[in-house]
């Protein structure tokens, strides 16, 4: 896990206004594309314990709230809070435990 400044302004964005709804509404996000074609999403995970699968590699950036996560192949839960991020390999998975709303930006690549 690394610490970085939290993203608050993203210029020149094309937003897909239709929400991506997962796990019966426990995770909701919106996809957007930067001017250079980079794909990202911003969303919230509500209190739950969930397992996500990845196609592309992902970096989950915590904007607000927090979560505990466990990467595939690990038994260790790690906390991630505002201004922190964690990386997930392509074609992998991670478990996430959320006690309060976890607001995030997902960077694909």
Foldseek 3Di string as FASTA:
>chain_A
DFFAAADDDAPQKDWDPDWDAPDNNQKIWTWIAHPVGFIKIKIKGAADKDKDFAAFKKKKAWQAAWKWKDWPPGPDTDIHHHRGIDIHHHGTMMIIGHPHMTIIMIGGD
